[in-house]
Structure formats: C-alpha cells, structure tokens
Amino acid sequence: MSVPDLSHEHTARAMGHARIAGVDEVGRGPLAGPVTAAAVILDPEAIPEGLNDSKKLSTIRREALTEVIHAAARVSIAHASVAEIDGLNILRAAHLAMERAIAGLDPVPDMALIDGNMVPRGLTLPAQAIVRGDAVSLSIAAASIVAKTCRDRLMRDLAQQFPGYGWERNAGYPSKAHRAALLNLGVTPHHRRSFKPVHNILYQEK
C-alpha cells in the first residue's frame, strides 16, 4: 500500500516555491451542513508521523493527528455555507471554501497543491491539481485530516441542536437513517435544498 510522501512538494521547491500549501475539502456528498476546506503548510523539518488519506484513518487517529498538525504546521480552515452550496453548486462552493482556506494562511503560500482534478478558478497563486492527492502528498493528506476532523465536530454540534438525523454518526451523509429522518422529521435549515433527496421532499410537501 502506497503512502503519501513529499515528492510533489520537492518538485514545487525545485521550481523556486518556498511555502507550499496542501489543500483539500470534505463534505461534497452530504445532504446537510457546510463544505469544509483546509490548507496546510508543513514544516519540512517537523513532519508529523502517520499522515495519510483521512479516509484511511480512524476517528481517534484523525483527532490526535489534527492536534499535532495544528502544533507543527501553518493551518487555515474555511467553509462554504449551505446557502452558498444551493446558490452556486457543490463544486463551486467546495472551490470557494478552498480559496478561503488558502487566503487565510499567513504568510500566503507561494504555491498550492490541490486535491482533485481542477484548480479553483479564483486562485491568484500558482497551483497544481492532483487527483487523489490526499493519498500521494503529505501536505494534502494533512489538509484532509484537519478538514474532516473540523467538519465532523461541527456536525456533532449541529446534531445536538437538531437531534434525530444521526449527524453525530453520519456527518450529514445520506445514510439510510438520515433519509428516513428526513421523511419523518422534515427538512432543517442546515439541509441542502439543491440536493435531490431534500428537494424531492420539499417538492412533495408543496
């Protein structure tokens, strides 16, 4: 099993870029909650051990690594709201969250390594899109861990305000229990109305 390394970061440094940010987002698939992005500039002298694609790590491991990443690296987290997701579309909203996360770094990076196959169009700095970047780049892996931990915590908080949807377990993704709760309890202000299962319920109510 391959693990992420610093080969993309080394290539960027060879091109003259000193501060390289790994950028990833989480939350494109859920029916509820914001989309969350993180941008992380790792210190080459203090790379946290055990960084990997967040999907390959347990919740406990992600939580622990998030603390280490915050302590050892420059980190910025940003969101795009449900209103922005519905108003733009999920891809553009995810890119907006990425742009905000990058803009939140101080100092601003010289280059961004973006998870996915597209560079957000609002970026003004050099950037490279890397498909499955969280599995190959340590900087992007770190960003994926921080973003997922942050969004999962946020959805656990929202679950206390809106119990019954199981957000503390499903993070807003369309699990069987979440879909059933949508039918039984209705749509909350945190549901994405542009997403088909939510839209269909609202349309039936009309």
N, C-alpha and C. Protein backbone atom coordinates (compact mmCIF):
# COMPACT_ATOMS: atom_id res chain seq x y z
N MET A 1 0.85 -1.21 0.00
CA MET A 1 0.00 0.00 0.00
C MET A 1 0.88 1.25 0.00
N SER A 2 0.65 2.10 -0.98
CA SER A 2 1.46 3.32 -1.05
C SER A 2 0.99 4.32 0.01
N VAL A 3 1.95 5.07 0.52
CA VAL A 3 1.62 6.12 1.49
C VAL A 3 2.07 7.46 0.91
N PRO A 4 1.43 8.55 1.32
CA PRO A 4 1.82 9.86 0.78
C PRO A 4 3.25 10.21 1.14
N ASP A 5 3.89 11.00 0.27
CA ASP A 5 5.26 11.46 0.54
C ASP A 5 5.38 12.93 0.15
N LEU A 6 6.61 13.41 0.07
CA LEU A 6 6.84 14.83 -0.23
C LEU A 6 7.35 15.06 -1.65
N SER A 7 7.14 14.08 -2.55
CA SER A 7 7.71 14.24 -3.90
C SER A 7 7.12 15.44 -4.64
N HIS A 8 5.81 15.68 -4.51
CA HIS A 8 5.21 16.84 -5.18
C HIS A 8 5.72 18.14 -4.56
N GLU A 9 5.89 18.13 -3.24
CA GLU A 9 6.43 19.32 -2.55
C GLU A 9 7.86 19.59 -3.00
N HIS A 10 8.67 18.53 -3.13
CA HIS A 10 10.06 18.69 -3.56
C HIS A 10 10.12 19.27 -4.98
N THR A 11 9.23 18.79 -5.85
CA THR A 11 9.18 19.31 -7.22
C THR A 11 8.85 20.80 -7.22
N ALA A 12 7.87 21.18 -6.38
CA ALA A 12 7.49 22.60 -6.29
C ALA A 12 8.65 23.44 -5.76
N ARG A 13 9.39 22.90 -4.79
CA ARG A 13 10.54 23.64 -4.24
C ARG A 13 11.62 23.81 -5.30
N ALA A 14 11.83 22.77 -6.10
CA ALA A 14 12.83 22.85 -7.17
C ALA A 14 12.47 23.92 -8.19
N MET A 15 11.16 24.24 -8.27
CA MET A 15 10.72 25.30 -9.18
C MET A 15 10.83 26.68 -8.53
N GLY A 16 11.29 26.72 -7.29
CA GLY A 16 11.51 28.00 -6.63
C GLY A 16 10.43 28.42 -5.64
N HIS A 17 9.48 27.53 -5.36
CA HIS A 17 8.41 27.85 -4.41
C HIS A 17 8.82 27.40 -3.01
N ALA A 18 8.83 28.32 -2.06
CA ALA A 18 9.29 28.01 -0.70
C ALA A 18 8.15 27.52 0.19
N ARG A 19 7.03 28.24 0.17
CA ARG A 19 5.89 27.88 1.04
C ARG A 19 4.82 27.18 0.20
N ILE A 20 4.70 25.88 0.41
CA ILE A 20 3.77 25.08 -0.40
C ILE A 20 2.64 24.59 0.49
N ALA A 21 1.41 24.94 0.09
CA ALA A 21 0.24 24.54 0.87
C ALA A 21 -0.44 23.35 0.22
N GLY A 22 -0.76 22.36 1.04
CA GLY A 22 -1.63 21.28 0.60
C GLY A 22 -3.06 21.67 0.91
N VAL A 23 -3.98 21.43 -0.01
CA VAL A 23 -5.37 21.89 0.15
C VAL A 23 -6.33 20.75 -0.16
N ASP A 24 -7.30 20.54 0.73
CA ASP A 24 -8.32 19.52 0.49
C ASP A 24 -9.64 19.99 1.09
N GLU A 25 -10.73 19.41 0.58
CA GLU A 25 -12.05 19.75 1.14
C GLU A 25 -12.77 18.46 1.49
N VAL A 26 -13.75 18.59 2.38
CA VAL A 26 -14.57 17.45 2.77
C VAL A 26 -16.02 17.91 2.84
N GLY A 27 -16.93 17.02 2.47
CA GLY A 27 -18.34 17.36 2.60
C GLY A 27 -19.05 17.68 1.31
N ARG A 28 -18.60 17.12 0.21
CA ARG A 28 -19.34 17.33 -1.05
C ARG A 28 -20.59 16.48 -1.10
N GLY A 29 -20.52 15.28 -0.50
CA GLY A 29 -21.61 14.32 -0.63
C GLY A 29 -22.77 14.44 0.34
N PRO A 30 -22.60 15.07 1.51
CA PRO A 30 -23.69 15.11 2.48
C PRO A 30 -24.93 15.86 2.00
N LEU A 31 -26.06 15.56 2.64
CA LEU A 31 -27.30 16.28 2.37
C LEU A 31 -27.44 17.50 3.27
N ALA A 32 -26.57 17.59 4.29
CA ALA A 32 -26.68 18.68 5.26
C ALA A 32 -25.30 19.18 5.66
N GLY A 33 -25.26 20.44 6.10
CA GLY A 33 -24.03 21.02 6.61
C GLY A 33 -23.19 21.68 5.53
N PRO A 34 -22.20 22.47 5.96
CA PRO A 34 -21.34 23.17 5.01
C PRO A 34 -20.35 22.23 4.35
N VAL A 35 -19.64 22.74 3.36
CA VAL A 35 -18.46 22.05 2.83
C VAL A 35 -17.26 22.76 3.46
N THR A 36 -16.29 21.97 3.91
CA THR A 36 -15.18 22.48 4.70
C THR A 36 -13.86 22.21 4.00
N ALA A 37 -12.98 23.20 3.95
CA ALA A 37 -11.66 23.02 3.33
C ALA A 37 -10.57 23.40 4.32
N ALA A 38 -9.41 22.79 4.14
CA ALA A 38 -8.24 23.16 4.94
C ALA A 38 -7.05 23.35 4.02
N ALA A 39 -6.19 24.29 4.39
CA ALA A 39 -4.91 24.50 3.71
C ALA A 39 -3.82 24.37 4.76
N VAL A 40 -2.81 23.57 4.46
CA VAL A 40 -1.75 23.29 5.44
C VAL A 40 -0.38 23.46 4.79
N ILE A 41 0.47 24.26 5.43
CA ILE A 41 1.88 24.36 5.04
C ILE A 41 2.69 23.60 6.08
N LEU A 42 3.21 22.44 5.69
CA LEU A 42 4.01 21.64 6.61
C LEU A 42 5.41 22.22 6.76
N ASP A 43 5.98 22.05 7.94
CA ASP A 43 7.39 22.37 8.17
C ASP A 43 8.19 21.14 7.78
N PRO A 44 9.05 21.25 6.73
CA PRO A 44 9.80 20.06 6.26
C PRO A 44 10.65 19.43 7.37
N GLU A 45 10.98 20.23 8.38
CA GLU A 45 11.80 19.72 9.49
C GLU A 45 10.96 19.07 10.58
N ALA A 46 9.64 19.18 10.51
CA ALA A 46 8.78 18.66 11.57
C ALA A 46 7.51 18.06 10.99
N ILE A 47 7.68 17.02 10.18
CA ILE A 47 6.52 16.36 9.56
C ILE A 47 5.91 15.39 10.59
N PRO A 48 4.64 15.57 10.93
CA PRO A 48 4.00 14.63 11.87
C PRO A 48 4.03 13.21 11.33
N GLU A 49 4.26 12.25 12.20
CA GLU A 49 4.29 10.85 11.78
C GLU A 49 2.87 10.31 11.61
N GLY A 50 2.69 9.46 10.61
CA GLY A 50 1.40 8.78 10.45
C GLY A 50 0.40 9.50 9.57
N LEU A 51 0.83 10.56 8.87
CA LEU A 51 -0.09 11.27 7.97
C LEU A 51 -0.51 10.35 6.84
N ASN A 52 -1.80 10.36 6.55
CA ASN A 52 -2.32 9.56 5.45
C ASN A 52 -3.66 10.14 5.03
N ASP A 53 -4.19 9.64 3.93
CA ASP A 53 -5.53 9.99 3.49
C ASP A 53 -6.47 9.83 4.69
N SER A 54 -7.23 10.89 5.00
CA SER A 54 -8.09 10.87 6.20
C SER A 54 -9.07 9.69 6.20
N LYS A 55 -9.46 9.24 5.00
CA LYS A 55 -10.43 8.14 4.91
C LYS A 55 -9.84 6.82 5.38
N LYS A 56 -8.50 6.75 5.44
CA LYS A 56 -7.84 5.51 5.86
C LYS A 56 -7.52 5.50 7.36
N LEU A 57 -7.92 6.55 8.06
CA LEU A 57 -7.59 6.68 9.48
C LEU A 57 -8.86 6.61 10.33
N SER A 58 -8.72 6.09 11.54
CA SER A 58 -9.85 6.06 12.46
C SER A 58 -10.11 7.47 12.99
N THR A 59 -11.30 7.67 13.53
CA THR A 59 -11.65 8.97 14.10
C THR A 59 -10.66 9.37 15.19
N ILE A 60 -10.32 8.43 16.07
CA ILE A 60 -9.39 8.72 17.17
C ILE A 60 -8.03 9.15 16.62
N ARG A 61 -7.57 8.44 15.59
CA ARG A 61 -6.26 8.77 14.99
C ARG A 61 -6.31 10.16 14.33
N ARG A 62 -7.40 10.44 13.63
CA ARG A 62 -7.55 11.76 12.99
C ARG A 62 -7.54 12.87 14.03
N GLU A 63 -8.28 12.66 15.12
CA GLU A 63 -8.35 13.68 16.19
C GLU A 63 -6.95 13.96 16.75
N ALA A 64 -6.19 12.88 17.01
CA ALA A 64 -4.84 13.03 17.57
C ALA A 64 -3.92 13.74 16.58
N LEU A 65 -3.98 13.34 15.32
CA LEU A 65 -3.12 13.95 14.30
C LEU A 65 -3.47 15.41 14.07
N THR A 66 -4.76 15.74 14.16
CA THR A 66 -5.18 17.13 13.98
C THR A 66 -4.48 18.04 14.99
N GLU A 67 -4.40 17.60 16.25
CA GLU A 67 -3.72 18.40 17.29
C GLU A 67 -2.25 18.59 16.92
N VAL A 68 -1.61 17.51 16.46
CA VAL A 68 -0.18 17.56 16.10
C VAL A 68 0.04 18.49 14.91
N ILE A 69 -0.84 18.38 13.91
CA ILE A 69 -0.71 19.22 12.71
C ILE A 69 -0.85 20.70 13.08
N HIS A 70 -1.85 21.03 13.91
CA HIS A 70 -2.03 22.42 14.35
C HIS A 70 -0.79 22.94 15.07
N ALA A 71 -0.13 22.07 15.82
CA ALA A 71 1.05 22.49 16.60
C ALA A 71 2.30 22.63 15.74
N ALA A 72 2.40 21.82 14.68
CA ALA A 72 3.65 21.74 13.92
C ALA A 72 3.62 22.43 12.56
N ALA A 73 2.43 22.86 12.12
CA ALA A 73 2.31 23.41 10.76
C ALA A 73 1.47 24.68 10.77
N ARG A 74 1.47 25.38 9.63
CA ARG A 74 0.55 26.51 9.45
C ARG A 74 -0.76 25.95 8.88
N VAL A 75 -1.86 26.27 9.55
CA VAL A 75 -3.15 25.68 9.18
C VAL A 75 -4.22 26.76 9.04
N SER A 76 -5.03 26.63 8.00
CA SER A 76 -6.18 27.51 7.83
C SER A 76 -7.37 26.66 7.42
N ILE A 77 -8.52 26.90 8.06
CA ILE A 77 -9.74 26.15 7.75
C ILE A 77 -10.82 27.15 7.35
N ALA A 78 -11.62 26.79 6.35
CA ALA A 78 -12.70 27.67 5.90
C ALA A 78 -13.87 26.82 5.42
N HIS A 79 -15.02 27.46 5.32
CA HIS A 79 -16.24 26.76 4.93
C HIS A 79 -16.95 27.51 3.80
N ALA A 80 -17.82 26.78 3.11
CA ALA A 80 -18.84 27.42 2.27
C ALA A 80 -20.17 26.92 2.82
N SER A 81 -21.10 27.85 3.01
CA SER A 81 -22.35 27.56 3.71
C SER A 81 -23.34 26.78 2.84
N VAL A 82 -24.38 26.29 3.49
CA VAL A 82 -25.46 25.61 2.77
C VAL A 82 -26.09 26.55 1.74
N ALA A 83 -26.27 27.82 2.12
CA ALA A 83 -26.84 28.81 1.19
C ALA A 83 -25.94 28.97 -0.04
N GLU A 84 -24.62 28.97 0.18
CA GLU A 84 -23.69 29.10 -0.95
C GLU A 84 -23.69 27.84 -1.80
N ILE A 85 -23.79 26.68 -1.17
CA ILE A 85 -23.87 25.42 -1.92
C ILE A 85 -25.10 25.42 -2.82
N ASP A 86 -26.25 25.83 -2.24
CA ASP A 86 -27.50 25.85 -3.01
C ASP A 86 -27.48 26.95 -4.09
N GLY A 87 -26.82 28.07 -3.79
CA GLY A 87 -26.81 29.20 -4.72
C GLY A 87 -25.83 29.05 -5.87
N LEU A 88 -24.71 28.38 -5.61
CA LEU A 88 -23.66 28.23 -6.63
C LEU A 88 -23.77 26.85 -7.29
N ASN A 89 -23.39 25.85 -6.60
CA ASN A 89 -23.44 24.40 -6.85
C ASN A 89 -22.33 23.85 -5.98
N ILE A 90 -22.33 22.55 -5.74
CA ILE A 90 -21.43 21.99 -4.73
C ILE A 90 -19.96 22.11 -5.15
N LEU A 91 -19.67 21.95 -6.43
CA LEU A 91 -18.26 22.04 -6.87
C LEU A 91 -17.73 23.46 -6.67
N ARG A 92 -18.49 24.44 -7.11
CA ARG A 92 -18.04 25.84 -6.96
C ARG A 92 -17.93 26.21 -5.47
N ALA A 93 -18.87 25.74 -4.67
CA ALA A 93 -18.83 26.03 -3.24
C ALA A 93 -17.60 25.38 -2.59
N ALA A 94 -17.27 24.16 -3.01
CA ALA A 94 -16.09 23.47 -2.48
C ALA A 94 -14.83 24.24 -2.85
N HIS A 95 -14.78 24.74 -4.08
CA HIS A 95 -13.63 25.54 -4.52
C HIS A 95 -13.56 26.87 -3.76
N LEU A 96 -14.72 27.45 -3.48
CA LEU A 96 -14.76 28.69 -2.72
C LEU A 96 -14.19 28.48 -1.31
N ALA A 97 -14.56 27.36 -0.69
CA ALA A 97 -14.01 27.03 0.63
C ALA A 97 -12.49 26.87 0.56
N MET A 98 -12.01 26.23 -0.51
CA MET A 98 -10.56 26.07 -0.71
C MET A 98 -9.88 27.42 -0.86
N GLU A 99 -10.46 28.28 -1.69
CA GLU A 99 -9.89 29.63 -1.89
C GLU A 99 -9.81 30.38 -0.56
N ARG A 100 -10.86 30.27 0.25
CA ARG A 100 -10.88 30.95 1.55
C ARG A 100 -9.82 30.38 2.50
N ALA A 101 -9.66 29.05 2.47
CA ALA A 101 -8.67 28.42 3.35
C ALA A 101 -7.26 28.90 2.98
N ILE A 102 -6.98 28.97 1.68
CA ILE A 102 -5.65 29.43 1.22
C ILE A 102 -5.44 30.89 1.61
N ALA A 103 -6.48 31.70 1.42
CA ALA A 103 -6.38 33.13 1.74
C ALA A 103 -6.16 33.35 3.23
N GLY A 104 -6.58 32.39 4.05
CA GLY A 104 -6.44 32.52 5.49
C GLY A 104 -5.06 32.20 6.02
N LEU A 105 -4.20 31.68 5.17
CA LEU A 105 -2.83 31.37 5.62
C LEU A 105 -2.00 32.64 5.72
N ASP A 106 -1.18 32.72 6.76
CA ASP A 106 -0.28 33.86 6.94
C ASP A 106 1.09 33.35 7.35
N PRO A 107 2.13 33.56 6.52
CA PRO A 107 2.09 34.25 5.23
C PRO A 107 1.39 33.41 4.15
N VAL A 108 0.97 34.11 3.11
CA VAL A 108 0.31 33.44 1.98
C VAL A 108 1.30 32.48 1.31
N PRO A 109 0.86 31.29 0.90
CA PRO A 109 1.78 30.35 0.25
C PRO A 109 2.24 30.83 -1.12
N ASP A 110 3.35 30.26 -1.58
CA ASP A 110 3.86 30.55 -2.94
C ASP A 110 3.19 29.66 -3.97
N MET A 111 2.73 28.51 -3.49
CA MET A 111 2.09 27.55 -4.41
C MET A 111 1.13 26.68 -3.62
N ALA A 112 0.07 26.21 -4.29
CA ALA A 112 -0.91 25.33 -3.65
C ALA A 112 -0.99 24.01 -4.41
N LEU A 113 -0.99 22.91 -3.66
CA LEU A 113 -1.25 21.59 -4.22
C LEU A 113 -2.70 21.24 -3.86
N ILE A 114 -3.53 21.11 -4.87
CA ILE A 114 -4.98 20.98 -4.68
C ILE A 114 -5.42 19.54 -4.90
N ASP A 115 -6.17 18.97 -3.96
CA ASP A 115 -6.72 17.64 -4.17
C ASP A 115 -7.83 17.71 -5.21
N GLY A 116 -7.76 16.82 -6.22
CA GLY A 116 -8.80 16.79 -7.25
C GLY A 116 -8.23 17.00 -8.63
N ASN A 117 -9.13 17.22 -9.58
CA ASN A 117 -8.68 17.36 -10.98
C ASN A 117 -8.86 18.78 -11.52
N MET A 118 -9.22 19.72 -10.62
CA MET A 118 -9.41 21.10 -11.06
C MET A 118 -8.80 22.07 -10.05
N VAL A 119 -8.20 23.14 -10.56
CA VAL A 119 -7.73 24.23 -9.71
C VAL A 119 -8.87 25.24 -9.56
N PRO A 120 -9.23 25.64 -8.33
CA PRO A 120 -10.27 26.65 -8.16
C PRO A 120 -9.97 27.90 -8.98
N ARG A 121 -10.97 28.40 -9.69
CA ARG A 121 -10.71 29.47 -10.67
C ARG A 121 -10.38 30.81 -10.01
N GLY A 122 -10.70 30.96 -8.72
CA GLY A 122 -10.44 32.23 -8.05
C GLY A 122 -9.03 32.37 -7.51
N LEU A 123 -8.20 31.34 -7.68
CA LEU A 123 -6.84 31.42 -7.12
C LEU A 123 -5.96 32.33 -7.95
N THR A 124 -5.14 33.12 -7.26
CA THR A 124 -4.23 34.03 -7.96
C THR A 124 -2.78 33.58 -7.83
N LEU A 125 -2.54 32.47 -7.14
CA LEU A 125 -1.17 31.98 -6.98
C LEU A 125 -1.00 30.69 -7.79
N PRO A 126 0.25 30.29 -8.09
CA PRO A 126 0.46 29.04 -8.82
C PRO A 126 -0.16 27.87 -8.06
N ALA A 127 -0.76 26.94 -8.80
CA ALA A 127 -1.40 25.79 -8.15
C ALA A 127 -1.37 24.60 -9.09
N GLN A 128 -1.37 23.42 -8.48
CA GLN A 128 -1.41 22.18 -9.25
C GLN A 128 -2.49 21.28 -8.67
N ALA A 129 -3.38 20.80 -9.54
CA ALA A 129 -4.40 19.84 -9.11
C ALA A 129 -3.82 18.44 -9.16
N ILE A 130 -4.04 17.66 -8.10
CA ILE A 130 -3.51 16.29 -8.04
C ILE A 130 -4.67 15.35 -7.71
N VAL A 131 -4.99 14.48 -8.66
CA VAL A 131 -6.07 13.50 -8.44
C VAL A 131 -5.65 12.54 -7.34
N ARG A 132 -6.56 12.31 -6.39
CA ARG A 132 -6.29 11.51 -5.21
C ARG A 132 -5.04 12.04 -4.48
N GLY A 133 -4.97 13.34 -4.41
CA GLY A 133 -3.81 14.00 -3.79
C GLY A 133 -3.61 13.62 -2.35
N ASP A 134 -4.72 13.34 -1.63
CA ASP A 134 -4.58 13.00 -0.21
C ASP A 134 -3.89 11.66 -0.01
N ALA A 135 -3.79 10.86 -1.07
CA ALA A 135 -3.11 9.56 -0.98
C ALA A 135 -1.65 9.63 -1.41
N VAL A 136 -1.24 10.77 -2.03
CA VAL A 136 0.14 10.85 -2.54
C VAL A 136 0.96 11.99 -1.95
N SER A 137 0.30 13.07 -1.52
CA SER A 137 1.01 14.24 -1.00
C SER A 137 0.78 14.37 0.50
N LEU A 138 1.87 14.48 1.27
CA LEU A 138 1.75 14.62 2.72
C LEU A 138 1.03 15.91 3.11
N SER A 139 1.27 16.99 2.36
CA SER A 139 0.61 18.27 2.67
C SER A 139 -0.90 18.17 2.48
N ILE A 140 -1.31 17.53 1.38
CA ILE A 140 -2.74 17.37 1.12
C ILE A 140 -3.35 16.40 2.13
N ALA A 141 -2.62 15.33 2.47
CA ALA A 141 -3.11 14.38 3.49
C ALA A 141 -3.37 15.11 4.81
N ALA A 142 -2.43 15.99 5.19
CA ALA A 142 -2.60 16.75 6.43
C ALA A 142 -3.85 17.63 6.35
N ALA A 143 -4.05 18.26 5.19
CA ALA A 143 -5.25 19.11 5.00
C ALA A 143 -6.52 18.28 5.07
N SER A 144 -6.50 17.06 4.51
CA SER A 144 -7.69 16.21 4.53
C SER A 144 -8.05 15.81 5.96
N ILE A 145 -7.05 15.55 6.78
CA ILE A 145 -7.27 15.16 8.18
C ILE A 145 -7.88 16.32 8.96
N VAL A 146 -7.29 17.50 8.81
CA VAL A 146 -7.76 18.68 9.54
C VAL A 146 -9.19 19.05 9.11
N ALA A 147 -9.44 19.02 7.81
CA ALA A 147 -10.77 19.39 7.30
C ALA A 147 -11.84 18.42 7.80
N LYS A 148 -11.54 17.12 7.72
CA LYS A 148 -12.54 16.13 8.14
C LYS A 148 -12.80 16.21 9.64
N THR A 149 -11.76 16.36 10.43
CA THR A 149 -11.93 16.46 11.88
C THR A 149 -12.79 17.67 12.23
N CYS A 150 -12.50 18.80 11.60
CA CYS A 150 -13.24 20.04 11.86
C CYS A 150 -14.72 19.87 11.48
N ARG A 151 -14.97 19.33 10.29
CA ARG A 151 -16.37 19.21 9.83
C ARG A 151 -17.14 18.20 10.67
N ASP A 152 -16.49 17.09 11.04
CA ASP A 152 -17.17 16.09 11.87
C ASP A 152 -17.58 16.69 13.22
N ARG A 153 -16.69 17.50 13.81
CA ARG A 153 -17.01 18.15 15.08
C ARG A 153 -18.19 19.10 14.91
N LEU A 154 -18.17 19.84 13.81
CA LEU A 154 -19.24 20.79 13.54
C LEU A 154 -20.59 20.08 13.40
N MET A 155 -20.58 18.94 12.72
CA MET A 155 -21.83 18.19 12.53
C MET A 155 -22.30 17.55 13.84
N ARG A 156 -21.35 17.19 14.71
CA ARG A 156 -21.75 16.68 16.04
C ARG A 156 -22.43 17.78 16.85
N ASP A 157 -21.92 19.00 16.73
CA ASP A 157 -22.56 20.14 17.41
C ASP A 157 -23.96 20.39 16.86
N LEU A 158 -24.10 20.37 15.55
CA LEU A 158 -25.41 20.58 14.93
C LEU A 158 -26.39 19.46 15.30
N ALA A 159 -25.86 18.25 15.50
CA ALA A 159 -26.71 17.11 15.87
C ALA A 159 -27.39 17.33 17.21
N GLN A 160 -26.73 18.08 18.09
CA GLN A 160 -27.35 18.35 19.40
C GLN A 160 -28.49 19.35 19.26
N GLN A 161 -28.37 20.27 18.30
CA GLN A 161 -29.43 21.25 18.06
C GLN A 161 -30.59 20.63 17.26
N PHE A 162 -30.26 19.68 16.40
CA PHE A 162 -31.27 19.03 15.55
C PHE A 162 -31.15 17.51 15.69
N PRO A 163 -31.61 16.99 16.84
CA PRO A 163 -31.47 15.55 17.06
C PRO A 163 -32.39 14.74 16.14
N GLY A 164 -32.03 13.49 15.94
CA GLY A 164 -32.89 12.58 15.18
C GLY A 164 -32.37 12.24 13.79
N TYR A 165 -31.45 13.08 13.27
CA TYR A 165 -30.93 12.84 11.92
C TYR A 165 -29.65 12.01 11.93
N GLY A 166 -29.08 11.82 13.13
CA GLY A 166 -27.87 10.99 13.25
C GLY A 166 -26.61 11.66 12.75
N TRP A 167 -26.60 12.99 12.71
CA TRP A 167 -25.42 13.69 12.17
C TRP A 167 -24.15 13.41 12.96
N GLU A 168 -24.32 13.06 14.25
CA GLU A 168 -23.13 12.75 15.05
C GLU A 168 -22.47 11.45 14.56
N ARG A 169 -23.24 10.65 13.81
CA ARG A 169 -22.69 9.40 13.25
C ARG A 169 -22.45 9.51 11.75
N ASN A 170 -23.38 10.14 11.03
CA ASN A 170 -23.29 10.14 9.55
C ASN A 170 -22.72 11.44 8.97
N ALA A 171 -22.47 12.44 9.83
CA ALA A 171 -21.89 13.74 9.40
C ALA A 171 -22.69 14.39 8.27
N GLY A 172 -23.99 14.04 8.19
CA GLY A 172 -24.83 14.65 7.16
C GLY A 172 -24.92 13.86 5.87
N TYR A 173 -24.13 12.79 5.77
CA TYR A 173 -24.18 11.96 4.55
C TYR A 173 -25.52 11.22 4.48
N PRO A 174 -25.94 10.83 3.27
CA PRO A 174 -27.27 10.26 3.10
C PRO A 174 -27.37 8.80 3.52
N SER A 175 -27.13 8.52 4.78
CA SER A 175 -27.30 7.16 5.30
C SER A 175 -28.79 6.81 5.29
N LYS A 176 -29.08 5.53 5.48
CA LYS A 176 -30.46 5.07 5.50
C LYS A 176 -31.25 5.79 6.61
N ALA A 177 -30.61 5.88 7.79
CA ALA A 177 -31.27 6.52 8.94
C ALA A 177 -31.52 8.01 8.68
N HIS A 178 -30.56 8.67 8.04
CA HIS A 178 -30.70 10.10 7.74
C HIS A 178 -31.85 10.32 6.75
N ARG A 179 -31.93 9.49 5.73
CA ARG A 179 -33.01 9.62 4.74
C ARG A 179 -34.37 9.39 5.40
N ALA A 180 -34.42 8.39 6.30
CA ALA A 180 -35.69 8.10 6.99
C ALA A 180 -36.09 9.28 7.87
N ALA A 181 -35.10 9.87 8.55
CA ALA A 181 -35.38 11.02 9.42
C ALA A 181 -35.86 12.22 8.61
N LEU A 182 -35.31 12.40 7.42
CA LEU A 182 -35.76 13.48 6.54
C LEU A 182 -37.25 13.35 6.25
N LEU A 183 -37.68 12.14 5.97
CA LEU A 183 -39.10 11.89 5.67
C LEU A 183 -39.97 12.10 6.91
N ASN A 184 -39.47 11.65 8.07
CA ASN A 184 -40.27 11.68 9.30
C ASN A 184 -40.25 13.04 9.99
N LEU A 185 -39.08 13.67 10.01
CA LEU A 185 -38.91 14.92 10.77
C LEU A 185 -38.92 16.16 9.89
N GLY A 186 -38.72 15.98 8.59
CA GLY A 186 -38.72 17.12 7.68
C GLY A 186 -37.33 17.71 7.48
N VAL A 187 -37.29 18.82 6.77
CA VAL A 187 -36.05 19.46 6.35
C VAL A 187 -35.66 20.55 7.36
N THR A 188 -34.38 20.58 7.75
CA THR A 188 -33.88 21.61 8.67
C THR A 188 -33.25 22.76 7.88
N PRO A 189 -32.92 23.87 8.54
CA PRO A 189 -32.22 24.97 7.85
C PRO A 189 -30.82 24.57 7.37
N HIS A 190 -30.32 23.43 7.89
CA HIS A 190 -28.96 23.01 7.51
C HIS A 190 -28.96 21.99 6.37
N HIS A 191 -30.13 21.66 5.84
CA HIS A 191 -30.19 20.75 4.70
C HIS A 191 -29.99 21.50 3.38
N ARG A 192 -29.34 20.84 2.46
CA ARG A 192 -29.05 21.42 1.14
C ARG A 192 -30.25 21.21 0.23
N ARG A 193 -30.96 22.28 -0.02
CA ARG A 193 -32.19 22.17 -0.78
C ARG A 193 -31.98 21.84 -2.26
N SER A 194 -30.77 22.06 -2.75
CA SER A 194 -30.48 21.76 -4.15
C SER A 194 -30.15 20.28 -4.36
N PHE A 195 -30.00 19.54 -3.26
CA PHE A 195 -29.68 18.12 -3.39
C PHE A 195 -30.98 17.33 -3.54
N LYS A 196 -30.99 16.38 -4.45
CA LYS A 196 -32.22 15.73 -4.89
C LYS A 196 -33.09 15.16 -3.76
N PRO A 197 -32.52 14.36 -2.82
CA PRO A 197 -33.40 13.79 -1.78
C PRO A 197 -34.10 14.86 -0.94
N VAL A 198 -33.42 15.98 -0.71
CA VAL A 198 -34.02 17.08 0.07
C VAL A 198 -35.04 17.82 -0.79
N HIS A 199 -34.64 18.14 -2.00
CA HIS A 199 -35.50 18.85 -2.95
C HIS A 199 -36.82 18.08 -3.16
N ASN A 200 -36.71 16.77 -3.31
CA ASN A 200 -37.90 15.94 -3.57
C ASN A 200 -38.88 16.00 -2.41
N ILE A 201 -38.37 15.99 -1.19
CA ILE A 201 -39.24 16.06 -0.02
C ILE A 201 -39.95 17.42 0.03
N LEU A 202 -39.22 18.49 -0.20
CA LEU A 202 -39.81 19.82 -0.21
C LEU A 202 -40.86 19.94 -1.32
N TYR A 203 -40.56 19.36 -2.47
CA TYR A 203 -41.46 19.43 -3.61
C TYR A 203 -42.75 18.66 -3.34
N GLN A 204 -42.60 17.49 -2.66
CA GLN A 204 -43.79 16.69 -2.31
C GLN A 204 -44.67 17.43 -1.33
N GLU A 205 -44.00 18.18 -0.39
CA GLU A 205 -44.77 18.94 0.61
C GLU A 205 -45.64 20.01 -0.07
N LYS A 206 -45.11 20.57 -1.15
CA LYS A 206 -45.87 21.60 -1.88
C LYS A 206 -47.12 20.95 -2.50
